[in-house]
Every structure is written in C-alpha cells, then in structure tokens.
Amino acid sequence: MRCEHFPNCVGCPWVERPYGAQLAEKQERLSAALTEQPGLGRFRLAAPSGSPQRFGYRNHAKLVFRARRVQHGREALLGVYRPGTHSVMPAEGCSVHDRILQPFLKDLRALVQEQGVSIFDERRRAGDLRYALARSSRLHGSIHLTLVSARSRPPWLSSLLRALRRRQPSLESAFLCTNPTPGNALLSREIRSLFGPPALLENLGGHVLESRPDAFLQANPDVATNLYRAAARAFEAPPNARILDLYCGVGAIGISVARPGDRLLGIEASASAVSCARSNSRRAGIRGARFVAGSAEAVRGLAAENGMSQPDTVLVNPPRKGLGPSVTKQIAELHPQQILYISCDPATLARDLRALVTRGYKLERVQAFDMLPQTPHVEALAVLSRRDGVSPPR
C-alpha cells in the first residue's frame, strides 16, 4: 500500500489486511448478523462479490476544509474528520479516490492556499469555505465539483474556479451550496449551478445514468454494476409485471430490472433524485416507468394512488437505518410475490428480514458485495419470495 496519508488517515481502517481476509471478515459479519435473528429459516449465503479495483475505485470525494496555523502563517487542509472529533486529517491524496480525482483535489487545496480563500472557522462561526464534494465520471472522464460556503456570494469564488479550470480541464461543472447552519450536514437545499451541465453521466451496467450533487449514486461503479446485474438475474415475475421500487434514488435498480412491457413505480424522498430517475428511465427507453417524490412510510397510499396496490415485485434500497416496522408491515400488506432487498448495514438488514419472514415470506438467499474495499462496510442483496407462492388476483 502506497498512500501519502498512511498510516495517519482513518478512512481506510482495513488497509493493512490482505484483500482475501477483508472479504472473509465481511462475509462473517453478514453471517453473524443473520444468525443473531432467529426464525429466518434455511437460506443460501452466497460467496461475496469482490471489487475489481481495491484502490482508485471511489467516484466521489466528500472532504472538509480547515485552516491551521503554521510557523509562517496559515495552511489550508482538505481532509476528513478524525472519528468522534472535529479535528481534520489531510486526505486530498487518498488512494481509494478515482485516479482523476486525486490530482484534482490536490490542485483544489493548493489554489485555496495560494489565493488565501476564507475558510470557515467552526468555533468563531466566521469565514466562508466549508466543504468540497467532487464527483467523477469514467464515461466522459469529467469531474463535477460542489463547494459548500457559509456565504452565498463569496468574493473569491470566480477567481478560484478560473484558476482551477486552467489546471484541471476535466472540470466540467461547478455548483455552490450555501450552508451557514451549524452541525455536520454537508449540503443544504440551496444549491446553484455556476457553469456546465447540471447532471453527471455515468454508465452502470449498460445504462447511462445521471445524478446531481444532492442525488445519490453508488460510490463504486464496478461493484454497483455487479450488484444491479445480480438483482436483474434474481428478478422473477410474469410478463408485464408490476414493479415497485422503494427508496429508488436515481432509478438505477428499477431500470436494471425492468423488461419491456413491465410497469415500474419508483418512490423517493429526494425531489432531485426523482428528476434524475425520470430522465434516466426515458434514456433507457422504459415506457412504463413512473417516479414520484414521497416518504417510504407512506408507501401503501402512494402505491394505491399510482395504480400499484398489488405489485408483483418490490425493490427496496433503504439508508443505513433500514426499513423499520412500519415500512416492512406495509410492504407485506401489498402482498408482492418477490422482494429484492439491497442493504448497506447487516444488522438492520437481518432485523427487517426477520420481520418479513414472520409476515409470510421465505428468505431464499443473501450475497455480500464489497462496495468499499479497505473498510468494514458491507453491502448485501437479499432475495425473498412469498411462502404461499400465490399472488392475489389482478
């Protein structure tokens, strides 16, 4: 492992472990979480799917700016918080970031330093620049940058971006997010485009998908492609199926699964992600797709309002907290024949699987996907089917 931040950075806590040992540990964590939930029945725990790239895989960086005093003045830092603190460790040269992001982030930090950009001070609540979010596209070799500032019209902005574009021609678009509020939330709702196209395009599994600064897309394109293809292989539904995609994001999973003639309804809380999902489905030629903004906790009502009260298959990809009792109950009451559950936390996945099993579902198989090598993070796909094997009448 060669990284200028090693061993001080905590972003890659497993970096000294052989990759095979990392996969084995993640498989054990997933297995242990499932074992702790009684009553899941017999199911297949498939071998984990590794990442083709162990470094240079991450297509976006979320870093914090901090100014610190040095002997001859002030130094700009661009890095990550030390766990449990607001102390910042440098990470602009992080080796897990996409290879076009690494020199870009170095130049960004250097220009902030050279131009004396006002950096936000948490203690004094003074200064401007707080965070940088940089996203890369392998499809076009381009970068989209979002700067987060405490002020909506910082005087340094134009000069900084002009200099950055001269050094980094791959910078395709830039955005400014105004966020003066205390706390750790990186983005606010106030995001404006400064130049370039509003959406970043990436190819995942043969589909060109767009995303925006406030619309989630998986960090590892290769593993995301493998995960979505695995979901498509596991998908079992009659022709002209009704598919409900809950926590649909930019529509990646539903678009990967849907076939000609299928009807797809996506529900997502982020209006920005819904807008991207609509564009992505049109680009993919899925005529029967519809995406609406709404809360997962209102899934039964939203499904009924949009003609999806009896879906054949439900896709779910919730945040780390999982589905919870209310959503699992409503999904079971929709009586789908199949549920495909993508999770980023083994403990909440196992909890929700038990709730679905007690409501009439059989857990068929679970497989881990290594979305974030060098970290303990475990992504997983679980496949469930209705135990009685009979769908309600259409």
Protein backbone atom coordinates (compact mmCIF):
# COMPACT_ATOMS: atom_id res chain seq x y z
CA MET A 1 0.00 0.00 0.00
CA ARG A 2 1.41 3.36 -1.05
CA CYS A 3 -0.54 6.36 0.18
CA GLU A 4 0.86 9.66 1.36
CA HIS A 5 -1.67 9.73 4.22
CA PHE A 6 -0.87 6.24 5.55
CA PRO A 7 -0.87 5.37 8.46
CA ASN A 8 -2.40 8.55 9.91
CA CYS A 9 -5.68 8.65 7.98
CA VAL A 10 -8.56 6.62 9.41
CA GLY A 11 -10.57 6.48 6.17
CA CYS A 12 -9.20 3.00 5.32
CA PRO A 13 -9.04 1.11 8.64
CA TRP A 14 -8.53 -2.28 6.95
CA VAL A 15 -5.82 -1.19 4.52
CA GLU A 16 -3.15 -3.45 6.05
CA ARG A 17 -5.30 -6.59 5.74
CA PRO A 18 -4.92 -8.84 2.68
CA TYR A 19 -7.92 -8.44 0.42
CA GLY A 20 -9.00 -12.06 0.81
CA ALA A 21 -9.06 -11.59 4.58
CA GLN A 22 -11.20 -8.47 4.16
CA LEU A 23 -13.80 -10.38 2.13
CA ALA A 24 -13.81 -13.23 4.64
CA GLU A 25 -14.37 -10.81 7.52
CA LYS A 26 -17.24 -9.09 5.72
CA GLN A 27 -18.84 -12.43 4.99
CA GLU A 28 -18.51 -13.34 8.67
CA ARG A 29 -20.08 -10.03 9.76
CA LEU A 30 -23.03 -10.62 7.45
CA SER A 31 -23.40 -14.24 8.56
CA ALA A 32 -23.23 -13.28 12.25
CA ALA A 33 -25.93 -10.60 11.85
CA LEU A 34 -28.24 -13.08 10.12
CA THR A 35 -27.53 -15.80 12.69
CA GLU A 36 -28.47 -13.46 15.54
CA GLN A 37 -32.01 -13.21 14.17
CA PRO A 38 -33.92 -16.44 14.97
CA GLY A 39 -36.52 -17.82 12.62
CA LEU A 40 -35.01 -16.83 9.25
CA GLY A 41 -35.18 -20.45 8.14
CA ARG A 42 -32.85 -22.13 5.68
CA PHE A 43 -31.35 -19.88 3.03
CA ARG A 44 -28.26 -19.75 0.85
CA LEU A 45 -25.46 -17.39 1.85
CA ALA A 46 -23.61 -16.96 -1.45
CA ALA A 47 -19.90 -16.22 -1.73
CA PRO A 48 -19.13 -12.48 -1.52
CA SER A 49 -18.65 -10.50 -4.70
CA GLY A 50 -15.38 -8.57 -4.51
CA SER A 51 -14.35 -5.27 -6.05
CA PRO A 52 -12.35 -5.39 -9.31
CA GLN A 53 -10.43 -2.37 -8.03
CA ARG A 54 -9.15 -2.29 -4.44
CA PHE A 55 -7.88 1.31 -4.82
CA GLY A 56 -8.90 4.12 -7.15
CA TYR A 57 -12.49 2.85 -7.15
CA ARG A 58 -14.35 5.66 -5.39
CA ASN A 59 -16.09 8.02 -7.81
CA HIS A 60 -16.79 10.79 -5.33
CA ALA A 61 -14.99 12.58 -2.54
CA LYS A 62 -16.60 14.42 0.38
CA LEU A 63 -13.95 16.43 2.19
CA VAL A 64 -13.86 19.25 4.73
CA PHE A 65 -11.71 22.40 4.60
CA ARG A 66 -9.89 23.60 7.67
CA ALA A 67 -7.27 26.31 8.26
CA ARG A 68 -4.50 25.75 10.78
CA ARG A 69 -1.69 27.96 11.96
CA VAL A 70 1.86 27.06 10.95
CA GLN A 71 5.18 28.76 11.58
CA HIS A 72 4.94 31.14 8.64
CA GLY A 73 1.22 31.84 8.60
CA ARG A 74 -1.78 29.70 7.71
CA GLU A 75 -2.14 26.35 5.99
CA ALA A 76 -5.27 25.09 4.22
CA LEU A 77 -6.23 21.48 4.94
CA LEU A 78 -8.59 19.35 2.87
CA GLY A 79 -9.45 16.10 4.56
CA VAL A 80 -11.72 14.08 6.83
CA TYR A 81 -12.76 14.34 10.46
CA ARG A 82 -10.99 12.17 12.96
CA PRO A 83 -13.71 9.83 14.34
CA GLY A 84 -15.63 11.37 17.23
CA THR A 85 -13.96 14.77 16.81
CA HIS A 86 -13.89 17.80 14.52
CA SER A 87 -10.14 17.52 14.11
CA VAL A 88 -9.33 17.31 10.38
CA MET A 89 -6.73 14.97 8.89
CA PRO A 90 -5.44 15.62 5.32
CA ALA A 91 -6.94 13.30 2.70
CA GLU A 92 -6.73 15.11 -0.66
CA GLY A 93 -4.34 12.42 -1.94
CA CYS A 94 -6.49 9.48 -0.79
CA SER A 95 -5.66 6.36 -2.80
CA VAL A 96 -9.21 4.98 -2.90
CA HIS A 97 -10.45 8.01 -4.87
CA ASP A 98 -10.76 7.75 -8.64
CA ARG A 99 -7.43 8.44 -10.28
CA ILE A 100 -8.64 11.62 -11.96
CA LEU A 101 -9.92 12.93 -8.61
CA GLN A 102 -6.57 12.64 -6.83
CA PRO A 103 -4.64 15.35 -8.78
CA PHE A 104 -7.81 17.45 -8.97
CA LEU A 105 -8.20 17.57 -5.18
CA LYS A 106 -4.52 18.39 -4.73
CA ASP A 107 -4.82 21.36 -7.08
CA LEU A 108 -8.01 22.50 -5.40
CA ARG A 109 -6.35 22.58 -1.98
CA ALA A 110 -3.23 24.27 -3.37
CA LEU A 111 -5.27 27.04 -5.03
CA VAL A 112 -7.29 27.65 -1.88
CA GLN A 113 -3.96 28.06 -0.12
CA GLU A 114 -2.38 30.26 -2.81
CA GLN A 115 -5.37 32.58 -3.17
CA GLY A 116 -5.92 32.99 0.56
CA VAL A 117 -9.53 31.82 0.34
CA SER A 118 -11.51 32.49 3.51
CA ILE A 119 -12.03 29.11 5.24
CA PHE A 120 -14.86 28.59 7.69
CA ASP A 121 -13.93 28.50 11.40
CA GLU A 122 -16.39 26.38 13.40
CA ARG A 123 -15.51 27.89 16.76
CA ARG A 124 -15.77 31.54 15.75
CA ARG A 125 -18.54 30.97 13.19
CA ALA A 126 -16.55 33.07 10.74
CA GLY A 127 -15.17 32.54 7.23
CA ASP A 128 -16.66 31.03 4.08
CA LEU A 129 -15.42 27.78 2.55
CA ARG A 130 -16.56 24.64 4.40
CA TYR A 131 -16.63 21.50 2.23
CA ALA A 132 -15.78 20.17 -1.22
CA LEU A 133 -17.74 17.41 -2.96
CA ALA A 134 -16.07 16.18 -6.14
CA ARG A 135 -17.65 13.51 -8.37
CA SER A 136 -16.05 11.82 -11.37
CA SER A 137 -17.41 10.10 -14.47
CA ARG A 138 -15.49 7.34 -16.20
CA LEU A 139 -17.88 7.65 -19.12
CA HIS A 140 -16.67 11.14 -20.05
CA GLY A 141 -13.53 11.50 -17.91
CA SER A 142 -15.12 14.55 -16.31
CA ILE A 143 -15.46 16.00 -12.82
CA HIS A 144 -18.32 17.88 -11.15
CA LEU A 145 -17.41 20.00 -8.12
CA THR A 146 -19.71 21.31 -5.40
CA LEU A 147 -18.24 23.87 -3.00
CA VAL A 148 -20.08 24.49 0.27
CA SER A 149 -19.83 28.02 1.62
CA ALA A 150 -21.31 29.83 4.60
CA ARG A 151 -21.95 32.82 2.30
CA SER A 152 -23.99 32.80 -0.89
CA ARG A 153 -21.74 35.28 -2.77
CA PRO A 154 -18.16 34.67 -1.64
CA PRO A 155 -15.77 37.14 -3.34
CA TRP A 156 -13.10 34.50 -4.05
CA LEU A 157 -15.34 32.12 -5.98
CA SER A 158 -14.81 33.26 -9.59
CA SER A 159 -11.05 33.60 -9.26
CA LEU A 160 -10.69 30.18 -7.66
CA LEU A 161 -12.76 28.40 -10.32
CA ARG A 162 -10.98 30.15 -13.21
CA ALA A 163 -7.61 29.03 -11.89
CA LEU A 164 -8.87 25.52 -11.23
CA ARG A 165 -10.25 25.13 -14.75
CA ARG A 166 -6.88 26.18 -16.19
CA ARG A 167 -5.09 23.49 -14.18
CA GLN A 168 -7.79 20.84 -14.46
CA PRO A 169 -9.59 20.84 -17.85
CA SER A 170 -11.59 17.79 -16.71
CA LEU A 171 -13.70 20.11 -14.51
CA GLU A 172 -16.97 20.05 -16.44
CA SER A 173 -19.41 21.59 -13.94
CA ALA A 174 -19.34 23.51 -10.67
CA PHE A 175 -22.00 24.25 -8.07
CA LEU A 176 -22.20 26.38 -4.95
CA CYS A 177 -24.15 25.20 -1.92
CA THR A 178 -24.88 27.82 0.72
CA ASN A 179 -24.89 26.27 4.18
CA PRO A 180 -24.33 28.60 7.16
CA THR A 181 -26.03 26.30 9.68
CA PRO A 182 -24.12 24.58 12.50
CA GLY A 183 -23.80 20.81 12.55
CA ASN A 184 -22.33 18.14 10.28
CA ALA A 185 -24.83 18.27 7.40
CA LEU A 186 -22.76 18.96 4.30
CA LEU A 187 -25.46 20.16 1.95
CA SER A 188 -28.46 22.43 2.27
CA ARG A 189 -31.31 22.84 -0.19
CA GLU A 190 -29.71 25.98 -1.61
CA ILE A 191 -27.55 24.65 -4.45
CA ARG A 192 -26.99 26.69 -7.60
CA SER A 193 -25.18 25.82 -10.79
CA LEU A 194 -22.18 28.00 -11.64
CA PHE A 195 -21.31 26.54 -15.04
CA GLY A 196 -21.59 23.33 -17.03
CA PRO A 197 -24.33 20.67 -17.35
CA PRO A 198 -26.43 20.14 -14.22
CA ALA A 199 -26.10 16.33 -14.20
CA LEU A 200 -23.11 13.98 -14.24
CA LEU A 201 -23.49 10.99 -16.59
CA GLU A 202 -22.10 7.54 -15.79
CA ASN A 203 -22.52 4.10 -17.35
CA LEU A 204 -23.62 1.44 -14.86
CA GLY A 205 -24.44 -1.98 -16.24
CA GLY A 206 -25.07 -0.71 -19.77
CA HIS A 207 -27.37 2.10 -18.67
CA VAL A 208 -26.29 5.74 -18.80
CA LEU A 209 -27.48 7.26 -15.54
CA GLU A 210 -27.43 10.87 -14.46
CA SER A 211 -27.05 12.14 -10.93
CA ARG A 212 -26.78 15.56 -9.29
CA PRO A 213 -24.93 16.85 -6.23
CA ASP A 214 -27.90 16.05 -3.98
CA ALA A 215 -28.94 12.81 -5.72
CA PHE A 216 -27.28 9.61 -4.50
CA LEU A 217 -25.33 7.25 -6.76
CA GLN A 218 -23.21 4.33 -5.54
CA ALA A 219 -19.53 5.15 -4.94
CA ASN A 220 -18.04 2.11 -6.70
CA PRO A 221 -19.26 1.86 -10.35
CA ASP A 222 -17.86 -1.63 -10.95
CA VAL A 223 -19.44 -3.18 -7.85
CA ALA A 224 -22.68 -1.24 -8.38
CA THR A 225 -22.86 -2.72 -11.89
CA ASN A 226 -22.36 -6.24 -10.50
CA LEU A 227 -24.97 -5.64 -7.80
CA TYR A 228 -27.61 -4.38 -10.23
CA ARG A 229 -26.94 -7.27 -12.61
CA ALA A 230 -27.34 -9.72 -9.72
CA ALA A 231 -30.68 -8.09 -8.87
CA ALA A 232 -31.77 -8.44 -12.51
CA ARG A 233 -30.82 -12.15 -12.51
CA ALA A 234 -32.74 -12.73 -9.29
CA PHE A 235 -35.83 -10.93 -10.60
CA GLU A 236 -38.69 -13.38 -11.20
CA ALA A 237 -42.05 -12.04 -12.31
CA PRO A 238 -44.61 -12.76 -15.03
CA PRO A 239 -44.62 -10.78 -18.28
CA ASN A 240 -45.97 -7.24 -17.97
CA ALA A 241 -45.01 -7.28 -14.29
CA ARG A 242 -45.77 -4.53 -11.78
CA ILE A 243 -42.58 -3.41 -10.03
CA LEU A 244 -42.49 -1.12 -7.01
CA ASP A 245 -39.06 0.47 -6.40
CA LEU A 246 -38.89 1.95 -2.90
CA TYR A 247 -36.03 4.35 -1.97
CA CYS A 248 -35.39 4.33 -5.71
CA GLY A 249 -32.79 7.13 -5.82
CA VAL A 250 -31.97 7.96 -9.44
CA GLY A 251 -33.78 4.79 -10.57
CA ALA A 252 -30.73 2.59 -11.11
CA ILE A 253 -32.09 -0.66 -9.66
CA GLY A 254 -35.56 -0.46 -11.20
CA ILE A 255 -34.12 0.44 -14.59
CA SER A 256 -31.71 -2.51 -14.37
CA VAL A 257 -34.52 -4.95 -13.53
CA ALA A 258 -37.45 -3.75 -15.69
CA ARG A 259 -38.17 -5.50 -19.00
CA PRO A 260 -40.18 -4.30 -22.00
CA GLY A 261 -43.85 -4.30 -21.06
CA ASP A 262 -43.24 -4.08 -17.29
CA ARG A 263 -44.70 -1.24 -15.22
CA LEU A 264 -42.31 0.43 -12.81
CA LEU A 265 -43.21 2.81 -9.98
CA GLY A 266 -40.33 4.46 -8.11
CA ILE A 267 -40.80 6.26 -4.78
CA GLU A 268 -38.04 8.50 -3.43
CA ALA A 269 -37.92 11.30 -0.83
CA SER A 270 -35.43 13.46 -2.79
CA ALA A 271 -37.09 15.55 -5.49
CA SER A 272 -33.71 15.97 -7.20
CA ALA A 273 -33.23 12.20 -7.40
CA VAL A 274 -36.78 11.77 -8.77
CA SER A 275 -35.99 14.24 -11.55
CA CYS A 276 -32.86 12.24 -12.42
CA ALA A 277 -34.80 8.95 -12.31
CA ARG A 278 -37.35 10.26 -14.80
CA SER A 279 -34.59 11.30 -17.20
CA ASN A 280 -32.77 8.00 -16.72
CA SER A 281 -35.86 5.91 -17.47
CA ARG A 282 -36.54 7.89 -20.65
CA ARG A 283 -32.93 7.44 -21.71
CA ALA A 284 -33.24 3.68 -21.07
CA GLY A 285 -36.45 3.50 -23.11
CA ILE A 286 -38.63 2.23 -20.25
CA ARG A 287 -42.06 3.46 -21.28
CA GLY A 288 -43.95 2.06 -18.30
CA ALA A 289 -41.91 3.88 -15.66
CA ARG A 290 -43.20 6.49 -13.25
CA PHE A 291 -41.33 8.16 -10.39
CA VAL A 292 -42.87 10.16 -7.57
CA ALA A 293 -41.47 12.09 -4.60
CA GLY A 294 -42.69 10.78 -1.28
CA SER A 295 -41.87 9.15 2.03
CA ALA A 296 -41.34 5.41 2.32
CA GLU A 297 -43.53 5.49 5.42
CA ALA A 298 -46.46 6.34 3.12
CA VAL A 299 -45.75 3.55 0.64
CA ARG A 300 -49.20 1.90 0.70
CA GLY A 301 -51.03 5.14 0.00
CA LEU A 302 -48.57 6.26 -2.68
CA ALA A 303 -48.69 2.85 -4.36
CA ALA A 304 -52.50 2.89 -4.43
CA GLU A 305 -52.61 6.46 -5.77
CA ASN A 306 -50.32 5.44 -8.64
CA GLY A 307 -52.00 2.17 -9.62
CA MET A 308 -49.51 -0.12 -7.86
CA SER A 309 -51.58 -1.50 -4.99
CA GLN A 310 -50.71 -5.11 -5.95
CA PRO A 311 -47.08 -5.20 -7.19
CA ASP A 312 -45.52 -8.46 -8.33
CA THR A 313 -42.07 -7.45 -7.08
CA VAL A 314 -40.91 -4.85 -4.56
CA LEU A 315 -37.36 -3.48 -4.70
CA VAL A 316 -36.00 -1.73 -1.62
CA ASN A 317 -32.69 0.05 -1.03
CA PRO A 318 -33.09 1.92 2.27
CA PRO A 319 -30.49 4.01 4.11
CA ARG A 320 -28.44 2.53 6.93
CA LYS A 321 -31.36 2.59 9.38
CA GLY A 322 -33.21 0.03 7.23
CA LEU A 323 -36.94 -0.26 6.66
CA GLY A 324 -38.26 -0.39 10.20
CA PRO A 325 -41.56 -1.88 11.45
CA SER A 326 -43.96 0.46 9.63
CA VAL A 327 -42.46 0.03 6.16
CA THR A 328 -41.98 -3.75 6.45
CA LYS A 329 -45.61 -4.08 7.54
CA GLN A 330 -46.87 -2.04 4.59
CA ILE A 331 -44.72 -3.94 2.09
CA ALA A 332 -46.08 -7.27 3.33
CA GLU A 333 -49.64 -5.92 3.10
CA LEU A 334 -49.02 -5.14 -0.58
CA HIS A 335 -48.54 -8.90 -0.97
CA PRO A 336 -45.78 -8.92 -3.62
CA GLN A 337 -44.65 -12.32 -4.82
CA GLN A 338 -40.99 -11.31 -4.54
CA ILE A 339 -38.90 -8.78 -2.58
CA LEU A 340 -35.35 -7.79 -3.53
CA TYR A 341 -33.71 -6.02 -0.60
CA ILE A 342 -30.41 -4.14 -1.06
CA SER A 343 -28.84 -3.13 2.24
CA CYS A 344 -25.78 -1.22 3.46
CA ASP A 345 -25.99 -2.49 7.07
CA PRO A 346 -26.09 -6.18 8.04
CA ALA A 347 -27.76 -5.57 11.43
CA THR A 348 -30.76 -3.63 10.10
CA LEU A 349 -31.00 -5.98 7.12
CA ALA A 350 -31.25 -9.02 9.41
CA ARG A 351 -33.83 -7.28 11.61
CA ASP A 352 -36.01 -6.40 8.62
CA LEU A 353 -35.66 -9.85 7.06
CA ARG A 354 -36.97 -11.42 10.25
CA ALA A 355 -39.97 -9.07 10.20
CA LEU A 356 -40.72 -10.02 6.58
CA VAL A 357 -40.31 -13.75 7.28
CA THR A 358 -42.82 -13.52 10.13
CA ARG A 359 -45.24 -11.86 7.68
CA GLY A 360 -45.28 -14.71 5.20
CA TYR A 361 -42.02 -14.50 3.25
CA LYS A 362 -39.24 -17.02 2.73
CA LEU A 363 -35.63 -15.84 2.65
CA GLU A 364 -34.08 -17.52 -0.39
CA ARG A 365 -30.50 -16.20 -0.47
CA VAL A 366 -28.20 -13.37 0.59
CA GLN A 367 -24.97 -12.19 -1.02
CA ALA A 368 -22.42 -9.58 0.08
CA PHE A 369 -20.96 -7.03 -2.36
CA ASP A 370 -17.75 -5.19 -1.48
CA MET A 371 -18.72 -1.64 -2.36
CA LEU A 372 -15.99 -0.04 -0.23
CA PRO A 373 -12.74 -2.05 -0.03
CA GLN A 374 -10.33 -1.24 2.82
CA THR A 375 -13.31 -0.50 5.11
CA PRO A 376 -15.68 -2.66 7.23
CA HIS A 377 -18.67 -1.53 5.11
CA VAL A 378 -20.83 -4.42 3.83
CA GLU A 379 -23.41 -4.11 1.04
CA ALA A 380 -25.76 -7.04 0.51
CA LEU A 381 -28.59 -8.30 -1.70
CA ALA A 382 -31.33 -10.45 -0.13
CA VAL A 383 -33.96 -12.29 -2.18
CA LEU A 384 -37.32 -13.20 -0.62
CA SER A 385 -40.38 -14.93 -2.05
CA ARG A 386 -43.96 -15.24 -0.85
CA ARG A 387 -44.28 -18.56 1.01
CA ASP A 388 -47.68 -19.49 -0.35
CA GLY A 389 -46.47 -18.99 -3.93
CA VAL A 390 -49.79 -17.44 -4.96
CA SER A 391 -50.24 -13.83 -5.99
CA PRO A 392 -53.54 -12.07 -5.28
CA PRO A 393 -55.88 -11.58 -8.28
CA ARG A 394 -55.07 -8.66 -10.52
